[in-house]
Amino acid sequence: MSPQPPFYRLLAIAVAVLGGTPAIAGDLFPGPVEARVVRVIDGDTFVAEAHVWPGQTVTVSVRLRGVDAPEIRSRCEKEKMAGKTSRNALERLIGNTTVQIRNIGGDKYYGRVLADVTTQEGEGLAAHLLQRALVRTYAGGKRTSTCG
């Protein structure tokens, strides 16, 4: 398969960011797309500037595929603390760095994408956080609280 032309990358990312599903792109845009991390929101979501075209970026929230972090805004103190711990770990891992985003798809929340994300060294973020028990596996649906 030949690499996709740059305009196709731009179209697929723009449509994913805007919450649509382009028929020509299929369910997932394979990437990779290089993105500079702007800010870590919590243990499974960050804001990035995706480099979709030479000199062009799209700012987008990216949720890590396959994991769920404890909620920082929980009423349960145990979950709040676990949420802050997972956010801080993700911040140390990718804060102010460049990452690679692959298998990019729409998320249930407008403006956010769901993706596989790796560091520039090729380490998968979801696997890294799972190995350290900072997040749980997640395949969609209703999430369960850390507090029960």
N, C-alpha and C. Protein backbone atom coordinates (compact mmCIF):
# COMPACT_ATOMS: atom_id res chain seq x y z
N MET A 1 0.84 -1.18 0.00
CA MET A 1 0.00 0.00 0.00
C MET A 1 0.89 1.23 0.00
N SER A 2 0.61 2.16 -0.85
CA SER A 2 1.41 3.38 -0.94
C SER A 2 1.00 4.35 0.16
N PRO A 3 1.93 5.21 0.59
CA PRO A 3 1.57 6.20 1.61
C PRO A 3 0.44 7.10 1.12
N GLN A 4 -0.39 7.53 2.05
CA GLN A 4 -1.49 8.40 1.68
C GLN A 4 -0.97 9.80 1.42
N PRO A 5 -1.50 10.48 0.40
CA PRO A 5 -1.05 11.84 0.11
C PRO A 5 -1.35 12.76 1.28
N PRO A 6 -0.54 13.82 1.47
CA PRO A 6 -0.73 14.74 2.59
C PRO A 6 -2.13 15.32 2.69
N PHE A 7 -2.78 15.64 1.57
CA PHE A 7 -4.12 16.22 1.66
C PHE A 7 -5.11 15.22 2.25
N TYR A 8 -4.89 13.95 2.02
CA TYR A 8 -5.75 12.91 2.59
C TYR A 8 -5.57 12.87 4.11
N ARG A 9 -4.33 13.01 4.57
CA ARG A 9 -4.06 13.05 6.01
C ARG A 9 -4.79 14.23 6.64
N LEU A 10 -4.68 15.39 6.01
CA LEU A 10 -5.32 16.59 6.53
C LEU A 10 -6.83 16.40 6.60
N LEU A 11 -7.42 15.87 5.54
CA LEU A 11 -8.86 15.64 5.51
C LEU A 11 -9.29 14.68 6.61
N ALA A 12 -8.59 13.58 6.75
CA ALA A 12 -8.97 12.58 7.74
C ALA A 12 -8.86 13.12 9.16
N ILE A 13 -7.78 13.85 9.45
CA ILE A 13 -7.61 14.42 10.79
C ILE A 13 -8.66 15.49 11.04
N ALA A 14 -8.87 16.37 10.09
CA ALA A 14 -9.86 17.44 10.28
C ALA A 14 -11.24 16.87 10.53
N VAL A 15 -11.61 15.86 9.78
CA VAL A 15 -12.94 15.26 9.97
C VAL A 15 -13.02 14.57 11.32
N ALA A 16 -11.95 13.87 11.74
CA ALA A 16 -11.94 13.22 13.05
C ALA A 16 -12.06 14.25 14.16
N VAL A 17 -11.34 15.36 14.03
CA VAL A 17 -11.39 16.42 15.04
C VAL A 17 -12.77 17.03 15.13
N LEU A 18 -13.43 17.17 14.01
CA LEU A 18 -14.76 17.78 14.00
C LEU A 18 -15.86 16.79 14.35
N GLY A 19 -15.50 15.55 14.60
CA GLY A 19 -16.48 14.58 15.07
C GLY A 19 -17.18 13.80 13.98
N GLY A 20 -16.80 13.96 12.75
CA GLY A 20 -17.44 13.24 11.66
C GLY A 20 -16.73 11.94 11.34
N THR A 21 -17.32 11.17 10.46
CA THR A 21 -16.69 9.95 10.01
C THR A 21 -16.66 9.97 8.50
N PRO A 22 -15.53 10.26 7.89
CA PRO A 22 -15.48 10.34 6.44
C PRO A 22 -15.60 8.97 5.81
N ALA A 23 -16.49 8.83 4.87
CA ALA A 23 -16.68 7.55 4.19
C ALA A 23 -15.42 7.12 3.47
N ILE A 24 -14.65 8.08 2.94
CA ILE A 24 -13.46 7.71 2.19
C ILE A 24 -12.32 7.26 3.10
N ALA A 25 -12.37 7.60 4.38
CA ALA A 25 -11.28 7.26 5.27
C ALA A 25 -11.53 5.96 6.02
N GLY A 26 -12.74 5.42 6.02
CA GLY A 26 -13.02 4.23 6.80
C GLY A 26 -13.17 4.59 8.27
N ASP A 27 -13.14 3.57 9.09
CA ASP A 27 -13.34 3.79 10.52
C ASP A 27 -12.14 4.42 11.22
N LEU A 28 -10.95 4.08 10.78
CA LEU A 28 -9.75 4.59 11.43
C LEU A 28 -8.80 5.18 10.40
N PHE A 29 -8.14 6.25 10.80
CA PHE A 29 -7.04 6.78 9.99
C PHE A 29 -5.77 6.18 10.56
N PRO A 30 -5.01 5.40 9.77
CA PRO A 30 -3.89 4.65 10.32
C PRO A 30 -2.73 5.50 10.82
N GLY A 31 -2.51 6.68 10.23
CA GLY A 31 -1.36 7.49 10.65
C GLY A 31 -0.07 6.87 10.17
N PRO A 32 1.03 7.16 10.77
CA PRO A 32 1.15 7.94 12.00
C PRO A 32 1.08 9.44 11.75
N VAL A 33 0.68 10.14 12.78
CA VAL A 33 0.67 11.59 12.78
C VAL A 33 1.54 12.04 13.94
N GLU A 34 2.48 12.90 13.66
CA GLU A 34 3.33 13.44 14.72
C GLU A 34 2.56 14.55 15.42
N ALA A 35 2.64 14.57 16.75
CA ALA A 35 1.90 15.59 17.50
C ALA A 35 2.73 16.05 18.70
N ARG A 36 2.71 17.35 18.93
CA ARG A 36 3.39 17.93 20.09
C ARG A 36 2.39 18.03 21.24
N VAL A 37 2.74 17.46 22.37
CA VAL A 37 1.86 17.49 23.54
C VAL A 37 1.84 18.91 24.10
N VAL A 38 0.64 19.46 24.22
CA VAL A 38 0.47 20.81 24.76
C VAL A 38 0.20 20.75 26.25
N ARG A 39 -0.67 19.80 26.65
CA ARG A 39 -1.04 19.70 28.06
C ARG A 39 -1.67 18.34 28.32
N VAL A 40 -1.39 17.79 29.49
CA VAL A 40 -2.00 16.54 29.91
C VAL A 40 -3.23 16.88 30.75
N ILE A 41 -4.37 16.33 30.37
CA ILE A 41 -5.62 16.61 31.07
C ILE A 41 -5.80 15.66 32.25
N ASP A 42 -5.66 14.38 31.99
CA ASP A 42 -5.77 13.37 33.04
C ASP A 42 -4.94 12.17 32.63
N GLY A 43 -5.12 11.04 33.28
CA GLY A 43 -4.28 9.88 33.03
C GLY A 43 -4.50 9.17 31.72
N ASP A 44 -5.54 9.56 30.96
CA ASP A 44 -5.76 8.92 29.66
C ASP A 44 -6.07 9.91 28.54
N THR A 45 -5.94 11.20 28.80
CA THR A 45 -6.27 12.21 27.79
C THR A 45 -5.28 13.37 27.84
N PHE A 46 -4.91 13.85 26.66
CA PHE A 46 -4.03 15.01 26.58
C PHE A 46 -4.42 15.85 25.36
N VAL A 47 -3.97 17.09 25.34
CA VAL A 47 -4.19 18.00 24.22
C VAL A 47 -2.89 18.05 23.43
N ALA A 48 -3.01 17.96 22.11
CA ALA A 48 -1.82 17.97 21.26
C ALA A 48 -2.05 18.82 20.02
N GLU A 49 -0.96 19.28 19.46
CA GLU A 49 -0.97 19.94 18.16
C GLU A 49 -0.50 18.91 17.15
N ALA A 50 -1.44 18.37 16.37
CA ALA A 50 -1.11 17.36 15.38
C ALA A 50 -0.59 18.03 14.12
N HIS A 51 0.54 17.58 13.63
CA HIS A 51 1.17 18.14 12.43
C HIS A 51 0.62 17.40 11.22
N VAL A 52 -0.41 17.98 10.62
CA VAL A 52 -1.15 17.28 9.56
C VAL A 52 -0.70 17.67 8.15
N TRP A 53 0.09 18.69 8.05
CA TRP A 53 0.52 19.20 6.74
C TRP A 53 1.73 20.08 7.02
N PRO A 54 2.67 20.19 6.14
CA PRO A 54 3.81 21.07 6.42
C PRO A 54 3.35 22.47 6.82
N GLY A 55 3.73 22.88 8.00
CA GLY A 55 3.37 24.19 8.50
C GLY A 55 1.95 24.30 9.02
N GLN A 56 1.20 23.20 9.05
CA GLN A 56 -0.20 23.22 9.51
C GLN A 56 -0.38 22.27 10.70
N THR A 57 -1.06 22.74 11.72
CA THR A 57 -1.36 21.90 12.87
C THR A 57 -2.84 21.99 13.20
N VAL A 58 -3.33 20.94 13.84
CA VAL A 58 -4.69 20.90 14.36
C VAL A 58 -4.57 20.61 15.84
N THR A 59 -5.15 21.45 16.67
CA THR A 59 -5.13 21.21 18.11
C THR A 59 -6.32 20.32 18.45
N VAL A 60 -6.04 19.23 19.15
CA VAL A 60 -7.07 18.24 19.42
C VAL A 60 -6.80 17.53 20.75
N SER A 61 -7.87 17.15 21.43
CA SER A 61 -7.74 16.29 22.61
C SER A 61 -7.65 14.85 22.14
N VAL A 62 -6.71 14.11 22.71
CA VAL A 62 -6.46 12.73 22.33
C VAL A 62 -6.67 11.84 23.55
N ARG A 63 -7.54 10.85 23.40
CA ARG A 63 -7.75 9.87 24.47
C ARG A 63 -7.03 8.59 24.07
N LEU A 64 -6.33 8.00 25.02
CA LEU A 64 -5.60 6.76 24.77
C LEU A 64 -6.57 5.60 24.60
N ARG A 65 -6.40 4.87 23.53
CA ARG A 65 -7.27 3.72 23.25
C ARG A 65 -6.97 2.58 24.22
N GLY A 66 -8.06 1.98 24.72
CA GLY A 66 -7.94 0.74 25.49
C GLY A 66 -7.71 0.89 26.98
N VAL A 67 -7.68 2.12 27.48
CA VAL A 67 -7.46 2.30 28.92
C VAL A 67 -8.42 3.34 29.49
N ASP A 68 -8.60 3.27 30.79
CA ASP A 68 -9.42 4.24 31.52
C ASP A 68 -8.68 4.60 32.79
N ALA A 69 -8.47 5.88 33.00
CA ALA A 69 -7.79 6.37 34.20
C ALA A 69 -8.82 6.73 35.26
N PRO A 70 -8.43 6.65 36.52
CA PRO A 70 -9.32 7.11 37.59
C PRO A 70 -9.66 8.59 37.41
N GLU A 71 -10.84 8.97 37.85
CA GLU A 71 -11.32 10.34 37.67
C GLU A 71 -10.75 11.28 38.72
N ILE A 72 -10.19 12.38 38.27
CA ILE A 72 -9.63 13.39 39.17
C ILE A 72 -10.75 14.15 39.88
N ARG A 73 -11.89 14.27 39.23
CA ARG A 73 -13.01 15.03 39.81
C ARG A 73 -14.03 14.12 40.50
N SER A 74 -13.59 12.98 40.98
CA SER A 74 -14.48 12.06 41.68
C SER A 74 -14.83 12.60 43.07
N ARG A 75 -15.96 12.14 43.59
CA ARG A 75 -16.32 12.48 44.99
C ARG A 75 -15.53 11.62 45.97
N CYS A 76 -15.01 10.53 45.48
CA CYS A 76 -14.26 9.58 46.30
C CYS A 76 -12.79 10.01 46.37
N GLU A 77 -12.28 10.22 47.56
CA GLU A 77 -10.91 10.70 47.73
C GLU A 77 -9.89 9.71 47.18
N LYS A 78 -10.13 8.41 47.35
CA LYS A 78 -9.21 7.39 46.84
C LYS A 78 -9.08 7.50 45.32
N GLU A 79 -10.22 7.68 44.63
CA GLU A 79 -10.18 7.80 43.17
C GLU A 79 -9.52 9.10 42.74
N LYS A 80 -9.79 10.20 43.45
CA LYS A 80 -9.14 11.49 43.13
C LYS A 80 -7.63 11.36 43.19
N MET A 81 -7.14 10.74 44.25
CA MET A 81 -5.69 10.59 44.42
C MET A 81 -5.11 9.70 43.33
N ALA A 82 -5.80 8.60 43.01
CA ALA A 82 -5.34 7.71 41.94
C ALA A 82 -5.35 8.44 40.60
N GLY A 83 -6.35 9.28 40.38
CA GLY A 83 -6.43 10.07 39.16
C GLY A 83 -5.27 11.04 39.03
N LYS A 84 -4.94 11.71 40.12
CA LYS A 84 -3.81 12.65 40.11
C LYS A 84 -2.49 11.92 39.88
N THR A 85 -2.36 10.73 40.46
CA THR A 85 -1.16 9.93 40.27
C THR A 85 -1.00 9.52 38.81
N SER A 86 -2.10 9.07 38.18
CA SER A 86 -2.01 8.66 36.77
C SER A 86 -1.75 9.86 35.86
N ARG A 87 -2.39 11.00 36.15
CA ARG A 87 -2.13 12.20 35.35
C ARG A 87 -0.67 12.63 35.47
N ASN A 88 -0.13 12.63 36.67
CA ASN A 88 1.26 13.03 36.88
C ASN A 88 2.22 12.08 36.17
N ALA A 89 1.91 10.80 36.16
CA ALA A 89 2.76 9.82 35.47
C ALA A 89 2.75 10.08 33.97
N LEU A 90 1.57 10.34 33.41
CA LEU A 90 1.48 10.63 31.98
C LEU A 90 2.20 11.94 31.65
N GLU A 91 2.07 12.92 32.52
CA GLU A 91 2.75 14.21 32.33
C GLU A 91 4.27 14.01 32.31
N ARG A 92 4.80 13.20 33.22
CA ARG A 92 6.24 12.94 33.24
C ARG A 92 6.69 12.21 31.98
N LEU A 93 5.84 11.34 31.47
CA LEU A 93 6.18 10.54 30.30
C LEU A 93 6.16 11.34 29.00
N ILE A 94 5.14 12.20 28.84
CA ILE A 94 4.98 12.87 27.53
C ILE A 94 4.87 14.38 27.59
N GLY A 95 4.87 15.00 28.76
CA GLY A 95 4.70 16.45 28.85
C GLY A 95 5.74 17.18 28.03
N ASN A 96 5.31 18.12 27.19
CA ASN A 96 6.18 18.94 26.34
C ASN A 96 7.08 18.11 25.42
N THR A 97 6.57 16.98 24.95
CA THR A 97 7.32 16.16 24.00
C THR A 97 6.49 15.98 22.72
N THR A 98 7.04 15.24 21.80
CA THR A 98 6.34 14.89 20.57
C THR A 98 6.03 13.41 20.63
N VAL A 99 4.81 13.05 20.23
CA VAL A 99 4.37 11.66 20.22
C VAL A 99 3.90 11.29 18.82
N GLN A 100 3.69 10.02 18.60
CA GLN A 100 3.14 9.51 17.35
C GLN A 100 1.73 9.00 17.64
N ILE A 101 0.76 9.42 16.84
CA ILE A 101 -0.63 9.02 17.00
C ILE A 101 -1.00 8.14 15.81
N ARG A 102 -1.58 6.97 16.11
CA ARG A 102 -1.95 6.02 15.06
C ARG A 102 -3.37 5.51 15.31
N ASN A 103 -3.94 4.92 14.25
CA ASN A 103 -5.28 4.32 14.35
C ASN A 103 -6.26 5.31 14.98
N ILE A 104 -6.35 6.47 14.36
CA ILE A 104 -7.11 7.59 14.89
C ILE A 104 -8.58 7.46 14.49
N GLY A 105 -9.43 7.53 15.48
CA GLY A 105 -10.86 7.45 15.24
C GLY A 105 -11.60 8.46 16.10
N GLY A 106 -12.86 8.64 15.81
CA GLY A 106 -13.68 9.54 16.60
C GLY A 106 -13.96 8.95 17.96
N ASP A 107 -14.16 9.81 18.93
CA ASP A 107 -14.55 9.40 20.28
C ASP A 107 -15.98 9.85 20.51
N LYS A 108 -16.60 9.37 21.57
CA LYS A 108 -18.00 9.73 21.80
C LYS A 108 -18.18 11.19 22.18
N TYR A 109 -17.09 11.87 22.55
CA TYR A 109 -17.19 13.27 22.90
C TYR A 109 -16.71 14.13 21.75
N TYR A 110 -17.45 15.15 21.40
CA TYR A 110 -17.16 16.03 20.29
C TYR A 110 -15.77 16.65 20.43
N GLY A 111 -15.01 16.58 19.37
CA GLY A 111 -13.72 17.25 19.35
C GLY A 111 -12.57 16.43 19.89
N ARG A 112 -12.84 15.24 20.39
CA ARG A 112 -11.76 14.40 20.93
C ARG A 112 -11.60 13.19 20.03
N VAL A 113 -10.36 12.75 19.85
CA VAL A 113 -10.12 11.55 19.07
C VAL A 113 -9.63 10.45 19.99
N LEU A 114 -9.82 9.23 19.55
CA LEU A 114 -9.36 8.04 20.25
C LEU A 114 -8.23 7.46 19.41
N ALA A 115 -7.09 7.16 20.04
CA ALA A 115 -5.94 6.73 19.23
C ALA A 115 -4.96 5.89 20.03
N ASP A 116 -4.14 5.15 19.28
CA ASP A 116 -2.98 4.49 19.85
C ASP A 116 -1.86 5.52 19.81
N VAL A 117 -1.16 5.67 20.92
CA VAL A 117 -0.14 6.71 21.01
C VAL A 117 1.17 6.10 21.50
N THR A 118 2.26 6.48 20.85
CA THR A 118 3.58 6.03 21.27
C THR A 118 4.50 7.23 21.44
N THR A 119 5.51 7.03 22.28
CA THR A 119 6.54 8.05 22.43
C THR A 119 7.40 8.03 21.18
N GLN A 120 8.29 8.99 21.04
CA GLN A 120 9.20 9.02 19.90
C GLN A 120 10.10 7.78 19.89
N GLU A 121 10.32 7.19 21.06
CA GLU A 121 11.15 5.99 21.17
C GLU A 121 10.36 4.73 20.84
N GLY A 122 9.05 4.87 20.61
CA GLY A 122 8.22 3.73 20.24
C GLY A 122 7.50 3.04 21.38
N GLU A 123 7.57 3.59 22.60
CA GLU A 123 6.89 2.97 23.74
C GLU A 123 5.40 3.33 23.70
N GLY A 124 4.55 2.31 23.79
CA GLY A 124 3.11 2.53 23.82
C GLY A 124 2.68 3.11 25.16
N LEU A 125 1.95 4.22 25.12
CA LEU A 125 1.54 4.87 26.37
C LEU A 125 0.56 4.02 27.17
N ALA A 126 -0.43 3.44 26.50
CA ALA A 126 -1.42 2.64 27.22
C ALA A 126 -0.75 1.47 27.92
N ALA A 127 0.12 0.75 27.21
CA ALA A 127 0.82 -0.39 27.81
C ALA A 127 1.69 0.05 28.99
N HIS A 128 2.36 1.18 28.85
CA HIS A 128 3.21 1.70 29.92
C HIS A 128 2.38 1.95 31.18
N LEU A 129 1.24 2.62 31.02
CA LEU A 129 0.40 2.94 32.18
C LEU A 129 -0.25 1.70 32.77
N LEU A 130 -0.65 0.75 31.91
CA LEU A 130 -1.23 -0.50 32.40
C LEU A 130 -0.21 -1.30 33.21
N GLN A 131 1.02 -1.40 32.73
CA GLN A 131 2.06 -2.16 33.43
C GLN A 131 2.33 -1.60 34.81
N ARG A 132 2.10 -0.34 35.01
CA ARG A 132 2.33 0.30 36.30
C ARG A 132 1.05 0.41 37.13
N ALA A 133 -0.02 -0.21 36.64
CA ALA A 133 -1.32 -0.23 37.33
C ALA A 133 -1.85 1.17 37.61
N LEU A 134 -1.59 2.12 36.69
CA LEU A 134 -2.08 3.48 36.84
C LEU A 134 -3.42 3.70 36.14
N VAL A 135 -3.78 2.79 35.24
CA VAL A 135 -5.04 2.80 34.51
C VAL A 135 -5.55 1.37 34.43
N ARG A 136 -6.81 1.23 33.98
CA ARG A 136 -7.39 -0.10 33.77
C ARG A 136 -7.70 -0.25 32.29
N THR A 137 -7.82 -1.50 31.86
CA THR A 137 -8.24 -1.73 30.49
C THR A 137 -9.67 -1.25 30.33
N TYR A 138 -9.98 -0.81 29.12
CA TYR A 138 -11.31 -0.25 28.86
C TYR A 138 -11.65 -0.47 27.40
N ALA A 139 -12.82 -1.04 27.18
CA ALA A 139 -13.27 -1.31 25.80
C ALA A 139 -14.57 -0.58 25.49
N GLY A 140 -14.87 0.47 26.24
CA GLY A 140 -16.09 1.23 26.03
C GLY A 140 -17.15 0.82 27.04
N GLY A 141 -18.27 1.47 26.95
CA GLY A 141 -19.36 1.17 27.88
C GLY A 141 -19.22 1.91 29.19
N LYS A 142 -20.02 1.47 30.15
CA LYS A 142 -20.03 2.13 31.45
C LYS A 142 -18.75 1.82 32.22
N ARG A 143 -18.15 2.84 32.73
CA ARG A 143 -16.91 2.65 33.52
C ARG A 143 -17.28 2.39 34.97
N THR A 144 -16.39 1.74 35.67
CA THR A 144 -16.61 1.50 37.10
C THR A 144 -15.66 2.36 37.89
N SER A 145 -16.13 2.86 39.00
CA SER A 145 -15.34 3.71 39.87
C SER A 145 -14.27 2.89 40.58
N THR A 146 -13.17 3.53 40.88
CA THR A 146 -12.12 2.91 41.68
C THR A 146 -12.64 2.60 43.07
N CYS A 147 -13.63 3.35 43.51
CA CYS A 147 -14.18 3.21 44.85
C CYS A 147 -15.31 2.18 44.94
N GLY A 148 -15.71 1.64 43.80
CA GLY A 148 -16.74 0.61 43.83
C GLY A 148 -18.10 1.02 43.40
